[in-house]
């Protein structure tokens, strides 16, 4: 993973994006995704994890550490 990247977790319920969270690493995003998926209707709801690049000067402002 690039030092200037973050992992974004998106929660979608019934086709509507409900939340977007940023994490410093994929493992933290996957832990949160597991918690969210416990309460999803897997036929209508979904989660997704995506890696994004962040310009160096903005890195500290956008990445959540937990």
PDB file of N, CA and C in Angstrom:
ATOM      1  N   UNK A   1       0.842  -1.189   0.000  1.00  0.00           N
ATOM      2  CA  UNK A   1       0.000   0.000   0.000  1.00  0.00           C
ATOM      3  C   UNK A   1       0.876   1.237   0.000  1.00  0.00           C
ATOM      4  N   UNK A   2       0.519   2.194  -0.794  1.00  0.00           N
ATOM      5  CA  UNK A   2       1.193   3.473  -0.858  1.00  0.00           C
ATOM      6  C   UNK A   2       0.949   4.239   0.442  1.00  0.00           C
ATOM      7  N   UNK A   3       1.949   4.965   0.953  1.00  0.00           N
ATOM      8  CA  UNK A   3       1.778   5.745   2.181  1.00  0.00           C
ATOM      9  C   UNK A   3       0.750   6.850   2.027  1.00  0.00           C
ATOM     10  N   UNK A   4       0.432   7.231   0.803  1.00  0.00           N
ATOM     11  CA  UNK A   4      -0.530   8.299   0.558  1.00  0.00           C
ATOM     12  C   UNK A   4      -1.860   7.731   0.096  1.00  0.00           C
ATOM     13  N   UNK A   5      -2.228   6.586   0.631  1.00  0.00           N
ATOM     14  CA  UNK A   5      -3.506   6.012   0.233  1.00  0.00           C
ATOM     15  C   UNK A   5      -4.349   5.735   1.467  1.00  0.00           C
ATOM     16  N   UNK A   6      -5.628   5.587   1.242  1.00  0.00           N
ATOM     17  CA  UNK A   6      -6.575   5.249   2.296  1.00  0.00           C
ATOM     18  C   UNK A   6      -7.525   4.199   1.747  1.00  0.00           C
ATOM     19  N   UNK A   7      -8.168   3.522   2.643  1.00  0.00           N
ATOM     20  CA  UNK A   7      -9.174   2.524   2.265  1.00  0.00           C
ATOM     21  C   UNK A   7     -10.541   3.072   2.647  1.00  0.00           C
ATOM     22  N   UNK A   8     -11.446   3.076   1.691  1.00  0.00           N
ATOM     23  CA  UNK A   8     -12.777   3.647   1.870  1.00  0.00           C
ATOM     24  C   UNK A   8     -13.791   2.513   1.954  1.00  0.00           C
ATOM     25  N   UNK A   9     -14.603   2.529   2.995  1.00  0.00           N
ATOM     26  CA  UNK A   9     -15.674   1.558   3.181  1.00  0.00           C
ATOM     27  C   UNK A   9     -17.003   2.257   2.901  1.00  0.00           C
ATOM     28  N   UNK A  10     -17.752   1.717   1.946  1.00  0.00           N
ATOM     29  CA  UNK A  10     -19.049   2.285   1.571  1.00  0.00           C
ATOM     30  C   UNK A  10     -20.141   1.290   1.978  1.00  0.00           C
ATOM     31  N   UNK A  11     -21.151   1.786   2.662  1.00  0.00           N
ATOM     32  CA  UNK A  11     -22.310   0.978   3.049  1.00  0.00           C
ATOM     33  C   UNK A  11     -23.511   1.442   2.227  1.00  0.00           C
ATOM     34  N   UNK A  12     -24.152   0.493   1.545  1.00  0.00           N
ATOM     35  CA  UNK A  12     -25.315   0.795   0.705  1.00  0.00           C
ATOM     36  C   UNK A  12     -26.489  -0.031   1.205  1.00  0.00           C
ATOM     37  N   UNK A  13     -27.607   0.634   1.474  1.00  0.00           N
ATOM     38  CA  UNK A  13     -28.834  -0.044   1.924  1.00  0.00           C
ATOM     39  C   UNK A  13     -29.942   0.256   0.926  1.00  0.00           C
ATOM     40  N   UNK A  14     -30.517  -0.805   0.380  1.00  0.00           N
ATOM     41  CA  UNK A  14     -31.600  -0.684  -0.607  1.00  0.00           C
ATOM     42  C   UNK A  14     -31.212   0.257  -1.749  1.00  0.00           C
ATOM     43  N   UNK A  15     -29.970   0.180  -2.188  1.00  0.00           N
ATOM     44  CA  UNK A  15     -29.507   0.981  -3.312  1.00  0.00           C
ATOM     45  C   UNK A  15     -29.108   2.399  -2.972  1.00  0.00           C
ATOM     46  N   UNK A  16     -29.191   2.782  -1.709  1.00  0.00           N
ATOM     47  CA  UNK A  16     -28.873   4.148  -1.297  1.00  0.00           C
ATOM     48  C   UNK A  16     -27.580   4.137  -0.479  1.00  0.00           C
ATOM     49  N   UNK A  17     -26.553   4.871  -0.916  1.00  0.00           N
ATOM     50  CA  UNK A  17     -25.329   4.951  -0.106  1.00  0.00           C
ATOM     51  C   UNK A  17     -25.656   5.578   1.249  1.00  0.00           C
ATOM     52  N   UNK A  18     -25.375   4.840   2.315  1.00  0.00           N
ATOM     53  CA  UNK A  18     -25.740   5.286   3.655  1.00  0.00           C
ATOM     54  C   UNK A  18     -24.555   5.903   4.403  1.00  0.00           C
ATOM     55  N   UNK A  19     -23.371   5.316   4.218  1.00  0.00           N
ATOM     56  CA  UNK A  19     -22.203   5.869   4.901  1.00  0.00           C
ATOM     57  C   UNK A  19     -20.932   5.585   4.110  1.00  0.00           C
ATOM     58  N   UNK A  20     -19.956   6.454   4.327  1.00  0.00           N
ATOM     59  CA  UNK A  20     -18.627   6.312   3.736  1.00  0.00           C
ATOM     60  C   UNK A  20     -17.632   6.601   4.854  1.00  0.00           C
ATOM     61  N   UNK A  21     -16.709   5.655   5.081  1.00  0.00           N
ATOM     62  CA  UNK A  21     -15.706   5.818   6.135  1.00  0.00           C
ATOM     63  C   UNK A  21     -14.322   5.576   5.543  1.00  0.00           C
ATOM     64  N   UNK A  22     -13.327   6.332   6.026  1.00  0.00           N
ATOM     65  CA  UNK A  22     -11.948   6.178   5.559  1.00  0.00           C
ATOM     66  C   UNK A  22     -11.105   5.535   6.653  1.00  0.00           C
ATOM     67  N   UNK A  23     -10.185   4.661   6.225  1.00  0.00           N
ATOM     68  CA  UNK A  23      -9.306   3.954   7.149  1.00  0.00           C
ATOM     69  C   UNK A  23      -7.873   4.016   6.648  1.00  0.00           C
ATOM     70  N   UNK A  24      -6.922   3.933   7.580  1.00  0.00           N
ATOM     71  CA  UNK A  24      -5.511   3.995   7.238  1.00  0.00           C
ATOM     72  C   UNK A  24      -5.020   2.719   6.570  1.00  0.00           C
ATOM     73  N   UNK A  25      -5.692   1.593   6.841  1.00  0.00           N
ATOM     74  CA  UNK A  25      -5.283   0.344   6.196  1.00  0.00           C
ATOM     75  C   UNK A  25      -6.497  -0.541   5.929  1.00  0.00           C
ATOM     76  N   UNK A  26      -6.317  -1.476   5.029  1.00  0.00           N
ATOM     77  CA  UNK A  26      -7.417  -2.343   4.600  1.00  0.00           C
ATOM     78  C   UNK A  26      -7.941  -3.205   5.753  1.00  0.00           C
ATOM     79  N   UNK A  27      -7.058  -3.664   6.620  1.00  0.00           N
ATOM     80  CA  UNK A  27      -7.484  -4.516   7.722  1.00  0.00           C
ATOM     81  C   UNK A  27      -8.520  -3.825   8.605  1.00  0.00           C
ATOM     82  N   UNK A  28      -8.294  -2.571   8.934  1.00  0.00           N
ATOM     83  CA  UNK A  28      -9.267  -1.825   9.740  1.00  0.00           C
ATOM     84  C   UNK A  28     -10.600  -1.694   9.012  1.00  0.00           C
ATOM     85  N   UNK A  29     -10.548  -1.458   7.713  1.00  0.00           N
ATOM     86  CA  UNK A  29     -11.777  -1.357   6.920  1.00  0.00           C
ATOM     87  C   UNK A  29     -12.521  -2.689   6.907  1.00  0.00           C
ATOM     88  N   UNK A  30     -11.794  -3.788   6.789  1.00  0.00           N
ATOM     89  CA  UNK A  30     -12.435  -5.109   6.767  1.00  0.00           C
ATOM     90  C   UNK A  30     -13.071  -5.456   8.109  1.00  0.00           C
ATOM     91  N   UNK A  31     -12.443  -5.053   9.207  1.00  0.00           N
ATOM     92  CA  UNK A  31     -13.026  -5.287  10.529  1.00  0.00           C
ATOM     93  C   UNK A  31     -14.351  -4.550  10.654  1.00  0.00           C
ATOM     94  N   UNK A  32     -14.369  -3.295  10.249  1.00  0.00           N
ATOM     95  CA  UNK A  32     -15.607  -2.504  10.302  1.00  0.00           C
ATOM     96  C   UNK A  32     -16.654  -3.077   9.356  1.00  0.00           C
ATOM     97  N   UNK A  33     -16.236  -3.518   8.174  1.00  0.00           N
ATOM     98  CA  UNK A  33     -17.161  -4.111   7.208  1.00  0.00           C
ATOM     99  C   UNK A  33     -17.832  -5.353   7.795  1.00  0.00           C
ATOM    100  N   UNK A  34     -17.079  -6.178   8.494  1.00  0.00           N
ATOM    101  CA  UNK A  34     -17.642  -7.374   9.122  1.00  0.00           C
ATOM    102  C   UNK A  34     -18.731  -7.000  10.119  1.00  0.00           C
ATOM    103  N   UNK A  35     -18.493  -5.967  10.913  1.00  0.00           N
ATOM    104  CA  UNK A  35     -19.500  -5.506  11.881  1.00  0.00           C
ATOM    105  C   UNK A  35     -20.761  -5.025  11.171  1.00  0.00           C
ATOM    106  N   UNK A  36     -20.593  -4.252  10.108  1.00  0.00           N
ATOM    107  CA  UNK A  36     -21.741  -3.717   9.375  1.00  0.00           C
ATOM    108  C   UNK A  36     -22.539  -4.839   8.717  1.00  0.00           C
ATOM    109  N   UNK A  37     -21.850  -5.806   8.119  1.00  0.00           N
ATOM    110  CA  UNK A  37     -22.528  -6.873   7.376  1.00  0.00           C
ATOM    111  C   UNK A  37     -23.351  -7.791   8.270  1.00  0.00           C
ATOM    112  N   UNK A  38     -23.081  -7.797   9.571  1.00  0.00           N
ATOM    113  CA  UNK A  38     -23.876  -8.611  10.496  1.00  0.00           C
ATOM    114  C   UNK A  38     -25.347  -8.198  10.491  1.00  0.00           C
ATOM    115  N   UNK A  39     -25.617  -6.934  10.159  1.00  0.00           N
ATOM    116  CA  UNK A  39     -26.986  -6.411  10.203  1.00  0.00           C
ATOM    117  C   UNK A  39     -27.552  -6.086   8.825  1.00  0.00           C
ATOM    118  N   UNK A  40     -26.906  -6.544   7.761  1.00  0.00           N
ATOM    119  CA  UNK A  40     -27.387  -6.249   6.413  1.00  0.00           C
ATOM    120  C   UNK A  40     -28.354  -7.314   5.924  1.00  0.00           C
ATOM    121  N   UNK A  41     -29.264  -6.887   5.079  1.00  0.00           N
ATOM    122  CA  UNK A  41     -30.076  -7.811   4.289  1.00  0.00           C
ATOM    123  C   UNK A  41     -29.267  -8.051   3.021  1.00  0.00           C
ATOM    124  N   UNK A  42     -28.594  -9.182   2.927  1.00  0.00           N
ATOM    125  CA  UNK A  42     -27.638  -9.415   1.851  1.00  0.00           C
ATOM    126  C   UNK A  42     -28.277  -9.481   0.469  1.00  0.00           C
ATOM    127  N   UNK A  43     -29.606  -9.565   0.396  1.00  0.00           N
ATOM    128  CA  UNK A  43     -30.287  -9.534  -0.902  1.00  0.00           C
ATOM    129  C   UNK A  43     -30.457  -8.118  -1.423  1.00  0.00           C
ATOM    130  N   UNK A  44     -30.509  -7.124  -0.514  1.00  0.00           N
ATOM    131  CA  UNK A  44     -30.766  -5.739  -0.923  1.00  0.00           C
ATOM    132  C   UNK A  44     -29.651  -4.758  -0.566  1.00  0.00           C
ATOM    133  N   UNK A  45     -28.785  -5.133   0.358  1.00  0.00           N
ATOM    134  CA  UNK A  45     -27.774  -4.215   0.873  1.00  0.00           C
ATOM    135  C   UNK A  45     -26.377  -4.711   0.505  1.00  0.00           C
ATOM    136  N   UNK A  46     -25.405  -3.806   0.572  1.00  0.00           N
ATOM    137  CA  UNK A  46     -24.048  -4.176   0.164  1.00  0.00           C
ATOM    138  C   UNK A  46     -23.038  -3.273   0.845  1.00  0.00           C
ATOM    139  N   UNK A  47     -21.814  -3.754   0.913  1.00  0.00           N
ATOM    140  CA  UNK A  47     -20.677  -2.937   1.336  1.00  0.00           C
ATOM    141  C   UNK A  47     -19.583  -3.093   0.286  1.00  0.00           C
ATOM    142  N   UNK A  48     -18.681  -2.136   0.264  1.00  0.00           N
ATOM    143  CA  UNK A  48     -17.539  -2.224  -0.643  1.00  0.00           C
ATOM    144  C   UNK A  48     -16.367  -1.493  -0.050  1.00  0.00           C
ATOM    145  N   UNK A  49     -15.166  -2.023  -0.297  1.00  0.00           N
ATOM    146  CA  UNK A  49     -13.933  -1.399   0.170  1.00  0.00           C
ATOM    147  C   UNK A  49     -13.110  -1.020  -1.055  1.00  0.00           C
ATOM    148  N   UNK A  50     -12.660   0.234  -1.081  1.00  0.00           N
ATOM    149  CA  UNK A  50     -11.923   0.763  -2.223  1.00  0.00           C
ATOM    150  C   UNK A  50     -10.682   1.484  -1.734  1.00  0.00           C
ATOM    151  N   UNK A  51      -9.595   1.357  -2.466  1.00  0.00           N
ATOM    152  CA  UNK A  51      -8.378   2.093  -2.147  1.00  0.00           C
ATOM    153  C   UNK A  51      -8.360   3.387  -2.951  1.00  0.00           C
ATOM    154  N   UNK A  52      -7.993   4.482  -2.298  1.00  0.00           N
ATOM    155  CA  UNK A  52      -7.866   5.763  -2.994  1.00  0.00           C
ATOM    156  C   UNK A  52      -6.500   6.366  -2.683  1.00  0.00           C
ATOM    157  N   UNK A  53      -6.007   7.165  -3.606  1.00  0.00           N
ATOM    158  CA  UNK A  53      -4.761   7.903  -3.411  1.00  0.00           C
ATOM    159  C   UNK A  53      -5.096   9.300  -2.898  1.00  0.00           C
ATOM    160  N   UNK A  54      -4.311   9.769  -1.925  1.00  0.00           N
ATOM    161  CA  UNK A  54      -4.524  11.091  -1.340  1.00  0.00           C
ATOM    162  C   UNK A  54      -3.249  11.905  -1.547  1.00  0.00           C
ATOM    163  N   UNK A  55      -3.367  13.131  -2.062  1.00  0.00           N
ATOM    164  CA  UNK A  55      -2.185  13.978  -2.201  1.00  0.00           C
ATOM    165  C   UNK A  55      -1.478  14.125  -0.851  1.00  0.00           C
ATOM    166  N   UNK A  56      -0.164  14.088  -0.851  1.00  0.00           N
ATOM    167  CA  UNK A  56       0.621  14.078   0.384  1.00  0.00           C
ATOM    168  C   UNK A  56       0.222  15.189   1.361  1.00  0.00           C
ATOM    169  N   UNK A  57       0.013  16.391   0.896  1.00  0.00           N
ATOM    170  CA  UNK A  57      -0.297  17.502   1.805  1.00  0.00           C
ATOM    171  C   UNK A  57      -1.662  17.348   2.477  1.00  0.00           C
ATOM    172  N   UNK A  58      -2.518  16.449   1.970  1.00  0.00           N
ATOM    173  CA  UNK A  58      -3.848  16.272   2.550  1.00  0.00           C
ATOM    174  C   UNK A  58      -3.959  14.973   3.352  1.00  0.00           C
ATOM    175  N   UNK A  59      -2.930  14.167   3.401  1.00  0.00           N
ATOM    176  CA  UNK A  59      -3.004  12.836   4.004  1.00  0.00           C
ATOM    177  C   UNK A  59      -3.504  12.876   5.435  1.00  0.00           C
ATOM    178  N   UNK A  60      -2.913  13.681   6.298  1.00  0.00           N
ATOM    179  CA  UNK A  60      -3.291  13.696   7.708  1.00  0.00           C
ATOM    180  C   UNK A  60      -4.707  14.185   7.935  1.00  0.00           C
ATOM    181  N   UNK A  61      -5.243  14.957   7.044  1.00  0.00           N
ATOM    182  CA  UNK A  61      -6.581  15.506   7.239  1.00  0.00           C
ATOM    183  C   UNK A  61      -7.683  14.501   6.896  1.00  0.00           C
ATOM    184  N   UNK A  62      -7.384  13.468   6.103  1.00  0.00           N
ATOM    185  CA  UNK A  62      -8.442  12.601   5.605  1.00  0.00           C
ATOM    186  C   UNK A  62      -8.435  11.166   6.110  1.00  0.00           C
ATOM    187  N   UNK A  63      -7.353  10.666   6.663  1.00  0.00           N
ATOM    188  CA  UNK A  63      -7.294   9.254   7.036  1.00  0.00           C
ATOM    189  C   UNK A  63      -7.643   9.083   8.513  1.00  0.00           C
ATOM    190  N   UNK A  64      -8.641   8.246   8.773  1.00  0.00           N
ATOM    191  CA  UNK A  64      -8.987   7.898  10.145  1.00  0.00           C
ATOM    192  C   UNK A  64      -8.123   6.714  10.576  1.00  0.00           C
ATOM    193  N   UNK A  65      -7.614   6.749  11.769  1.00  0.00           N
ATOM    194  CA  UNK A  65      -6.746   5.653  12.214  1.00  0.00           C
ATOM    195  C   UNK A  65      -7.534   4.528  12.866  1.00  0.00           C
ATOM    196  N   UNK A  66      -8.794   4.743  13.181  1.00  0.00           N
ATOM    197  CA  UNK A  66      -9.620   3.659  13.736  1.00  0.00           C
ATOM    198  C   UNK A  66     -11.072   3.932  13.490  1.00  0.00           C
TER     199      UNK A  66
END
